[in-house]
N, C-alpha and C. Protein backbone atom coordinates (compact mmCIF):
# COMPACT_ATOMS: atom_id res chain seq x y z
N MET A 1 -16.00 -9.48 -34.77
CA MET A 1 -14.98 -9.77 -33.77
C MET A 1 -14.81 -8.52 -32.92
N CYS A 2 -14.79 -8.68 -31.61
CA CYS A 2 -14.66 -7.53 -30.73
C CYS A 2 -13.21 -7.38 -30.25
N ALA A 3 -12.90 -6.21 -29.71
CA ALA A 3 -11.53 -5.84 -29.39
C ALA A 3 -10.91 -6.76 -28.34
N GLU A 4 -11.64 -7.10 -27.29
CA GLU A 4 -11.09 -7.91 -26.21
C GLU A 4 -10.75 -9.32 -26.70
N ARG A 5 -11.61 -9.88 -27.53
CA ARG A 5 -11.34 -11.22 -28.08
C ARG A 5 -10.14 -11.18 -29.03
N MET A 6 -10.05 -10.14 -29.83
CA MET A 6 -8.93 -10.02 -30.75
C MET A 6 -7.61 -9.84 -29.99
N GLN A 7 -7.66 -9.14 -28.87
CA GLN A 7 -6.46 -8.97 -28.06
C GLN A 7 -5.95 -10.33 -27.56
N ARG A 8 -6.87 -11.18 -27.13
CA ARG A 8 -6.47 -12.52 -26.66
C ARG A 8 -5.89 -13.35 -27.80
N ILE A 9 -6.46 -13.22 -28.98
CA ILE A 9 -5.93 -13.94 -30.14
C ILE A 9 -4.53 -13.46 -30.47
N PHE A 10 -4.33 -12.13 -30.48
CA PHE A 10 -3.00 -11.59 -30.74
C PHE A 10 -1.99 -12.04 -29.69
N LEU A 11 -2.40 -12.06 -28.44
CA LEU A 11 -1.50 -12.50 -27.36
C LEU A 11 -1.10 -13.96 -27.56
N ALA A 12 -2.05 -14.80 -27.94
CA ALA A 12 -1.74 -16.22 -28.20
C ALA A 12 -0.77 -16.36 -29.37
N ILE A 13 -0.96 -15.55 -30.42
CA ILE A 13 -0.06 -15.60 -31.57
C ILE A 13 1.34 -15.16 -31.17
N ILE A 14 1.44 -14.09 -30.41
CA ILE A 14 2.75 -13.60 -29.96
C ILE A 14 3.45 -14.64 -29.10
N LEU A 15 2.72 -15.27 -28.19
CA LEU A 15 3.33 -16.30 -27.35
C LEU A 15 3.74 -17.52 -28.16
N GLY A 16 2.98 -17.87 -29.18
CA GLY A 16 3.35 -18.98 -30.04
C GLY A 16 4.61 -18.70 -30.83
N ILE A 17 4.70 -17.50 -31.38
CA ILE A 17 5.92 -17.09 -32.09
C ILE A 17 7.09 -17.08 -31.13
N ASN A 18 6.85 -16.62 -29.92
CA ASN A 18 7.91 -16.56 -28.92
C ASN A 18 8.42 -17.95 -28.55
N MET A 19 7.56 -18.94 -28.55
CA MET A 19 8.01 -20.31 -28.29
C MET A 19 8.97 -20.78 -29.37
N GLY A 20 8.68 -20.44 -30.62
CA GLY A 20 9.59 -20.79 -31.71
C GLY A 20 10.90 -20.04 -31.61
N LEU A 21 10.83 -18.77 -31.21
CA LEU A 21 12.05 -17.99 -31.05
C LEU A 21 12.92 -18.52 -29.91
N ALA A 22 12.31 -19.08 -28.90
CA ALA A 22 13.06 -19.58 -27.75
C ALA A 22 14.04 -20.67 -28.17
N ALA A 23 13.71 -21.42 -29.19
CA ALA A 23 14.59 -22.49 -29.64
C ALA A 23 15.73 -21.96 -30.50
N THR A 24 15.48 -20.89 -31.26
CA THR A 24 16.48 -20.41 -32.20
C THR A 24 17.19 -19.14 -31.73
N GLN A 25 16.45 -18.24 -31.13
CA GLN A 25 16.99 -16.94 -30.69
C GLN A 25 16.55 -16.67 -29.25
N PRO A 26 17.19 -17.31 -28.27
CA PRO A 26 16.72 -17.15 -26.89
C PRO A 26 16.78 -15.72 -26.35
N GLN A 27 17.74 -14.92 -26.82
CA GLN A 27 17.82 -13.53 -26.32
C GLN A 27 16.62 -12.72 -26.80
N ILE A 28 16.25 -12.89 -28.07
CA ILE A 28 15.09 -12.17 -28.60
C ILE A 28 13.82 -12.66 -27.93
N ALA A 29 13.71 -13.96 -27.72
CA ALA A 29 12.53 -14.53 -27.06
C ALA A 29 12.39 -13.98 -25.64
N PHE A 30 13.50 -13.83 -24.96
CA PHE A 30 13.46 -13.26 -23.61
C PHE A 30 12.94 -11.83 -23.64
N LEU A 31 13.42 -11.03 -24.59
CA LEU A 31 12.98 -9.63 -24.68
C LEU A 31 11.50 -9.52 -25.04
N VAL A 32 11.04 -10.39 -25.95
CA VAL A 32 9.62 -10.38 -26.32
C VAL A 32 8.76 -10.75 -25.11
N GLN A 33 9.19 -11.78 -24.38
CA GLN A 33 8.44 -12.23 -23.20
C GLN A 33 8.44 -11.14 -22.13
N LEU A 34 9.56 -10.47 -21.95
CA LEU A 34 9.65 -9.38 -20.97
C LEU A 34 8.71 -8.24 -21.35
N ALA A 35 8.65 -7.90 -22.64
CA ALA A 35 7.75 -6.84 -23.10
C ALA A 35 6.29 -7.21 -22.84
N VAL A 36 5.93 -8.46 -23.10
CA VAL A 36 4.55 -8.91 -22.86
C VAL A 36 4.23 -8.82 -21.37
N ILE A 37 5.15 -9.27 -20.53
CA ILE A 37 4.93 -9.21 -19.08
C ILE A 37 4.76 -7.77 -18.61
N ILE A 38 5.62 -6.87 -19.09
CA ILE A 38 5.52 -5.47 -18.68
C ILE A 38 4.20 -4.86 -19.12
N LEU A 39 3.78 -5.13 -20.36
CA LEU A 39 2.49 -4.59 -20.83
C LEU A 39 1.31 -5.13 -20.02
N LEU A 40 1.36 -6.41 -19.67
CA LEU A 40 0.28 -6.98 -18.86
C LEU A 40 0.27 -6.40 -17.44
N LEU A 41 1.44 -6.20 -16.87
CA LEU A 41 1.52 -5.60 -15.52
C LEU A 41 1.02 -4.16 -15.54
N ILE A 42 1.42 -3.39 -16.53
CA ILE A 42 0.94 -2.00 -16.63
C ILE A 42 -0.58 -1.98 -16.78
N GLY A 43 -1.10 -2.86 -17.63
CA GLY A 43 -2.55 -2.93 -17.79
C GLY A 43 -3.26 -3.34 -16.51
N GLY A 44 -2.65 -4.25 -15.77
CA GLY A 44 -3.27 -4.71 -14.53
C GLY A 44 -3.27 -3.65 -13.44
N PHE A 45 -2.15 -2.96 -13.28
CA PHE A 45 -2.05 -1.97 -12.22
C PHE A 45 -2.72 -0.65 -12.58
N ALA A 46 -2.62 -0.23 -13.82
CA ALA A 46 -3.17 1.06 -14.23
C ALA A 46 -4.64 0.96 -14.62
N GLY A 47 -5.09 -0.25 -14.94
CA GLY A 47 -6.48 -0.41 -15.36
C GLY A 47 -6.71 0.05 -16.79
N LYS A 48 -5.64 0.35 -17.49
CA LYS A 48 -5.73 0.81 -18.88
C LYS A 48 -4.75 -0.02 -19.69
N CYS A 49 -5.25 -0.68 -20.70
CA CYS A 49 -4.42 -1.56 -21.51
C CYS A 49 -4.15 -0.88 -22.86
N LEU A 50 -2.88 -0.65 -23.15
CA LEU A 50 -2.50 0.05 -24.37
C LEU A 50 -2.97 -0.68 -25.61
N SER A 51 -2.80 -1.99 -25.64
CA SER A 51 -3.20 -2.74 -26.83
C SER A 51 -4.72 -2.68 -27.04
N LEU A 52 -5.48 -2.70 -25.96
CA LEU A 52 -6.94 -2.59 -26.10
C LEU A 52 -7.35 -1.20 -26.58
N GLU A 53 -6.66 -0.18 -26.10
CA GLU A 53 -6.98 1.18 -26.54
C GLU A 53 -6.77 1.30 -28.05
N ILE A 54 -5.70 0.69 -28.56
CA ILE A 54 -5.43 0.74 -29.99
C ILE A 54 -6.46 -0.08 -30.76
N LEU A 55 -6.75 -1.30 -30.28
CA LEU A 55 -7.71 -2.16 -30.98
C LEU A 55 -9.11 -1.58 -31.00
N ARG A 56 -9.49 -0.86 -29.95
CA ARG A 56 -10.83 -0.28 -29.89
C ARG A 56 -11.02 0.84 -30.90
N GLN A 57 -9.93 1.36 -31.46
CA GLN A 57 -10.07 2.36 -32.52
C GLN A 57 -10.53 1.71 -33.83
N PHE A 58 -10.27 0.40 -33.96
CA PHE A 58 -10.60 -0.31 -35.20
C PHE A 58 -11.73 -1.32 -35.04
N LEU A 59 -11.93 -1.83 -33.82
CA LEU A 59 -12.94 -2.86 -33.58
C LEU A 59 -13.86 -2.41 -32.45
N PRO A 60 -15.11 -2.84 -32.47
CA PRO A 60 -16.02 -2.48 -31.38
C PRO A 60 -15.67 -3.24 -30.11
N PRO A 61 -15.95 -2.65 -28.94
CA PRO A 61 -15.71 -3.36 -27.69
C PRO A 61 -16.74 -4.47 -27.47
N CYS A 62 -16.41 -5.42 -26.61
CA CYS A 62 -17.34 -6.51 -26.26
C CYS A 62 -18.25 -6.03 -25.14
N ASP A 63 -19.42 -6.64 -25.03
CA ASP A 63 -20.26 -6.40 -23.87
C ASP A 63 -19.91 -7.42 -22.79
N ALA A 64 -20.67 -7.48 -21.72
CA ALA A 64 -20.36 -8.36 -20.59
C ALA A 64 -20.39 -9.84 -20.97
N SER A 65 -21.18 -10.22 -21.95
CA SER A 65 -21.28 -11.63 -22.33
C SER A 65 -20.22 -12.04 -23.35
N GLY A 66 -19.36 -11.09 -23.77
CA GLY A 66 -18.32 -11.40 -24.73
C GLY A 66 -18.74 -11.22 -26.18
N LYS A 67 -19.97 -10.73 -26.38
CA LYS A 67 -20.46 -10.49 -27.74
C LYS A 67 -20.16 -9.05 -28.15
N GLU A 68 -20.18 -8.80 -29.44
CA GLU A 68 -19.97 -7.44 -29.95
C GLU A 68 -21.13 -6.54 -29.56
N ARG A 69 -20.78 -5.32 -29.17
CA ARG A 69 -21.82 -4.32 -28.94
C ARG A 69 -22.21 -3.69 -30.26
N SER A 70 -23.47 -3.36 -30.40
CA SER A 70 -23.92 -2.73 -31.65
C SER A 70 -23.81 -1.24 -31.58
């Protein structure tokens, strides 16, 4: 599993948990959603994604085709 694919999986898990929180704890769900939005905006504007930098310490990066690099 490569870092970029794992990041997408983690993001989907966080958004799924956030959907459940929206029904029970809307204030916490709002803060989680706001944090995700801010991290995505920082990654988009700065060109550097904090979560990917952390994941790349443990997992290899993907190549252009989405496969693991050796």
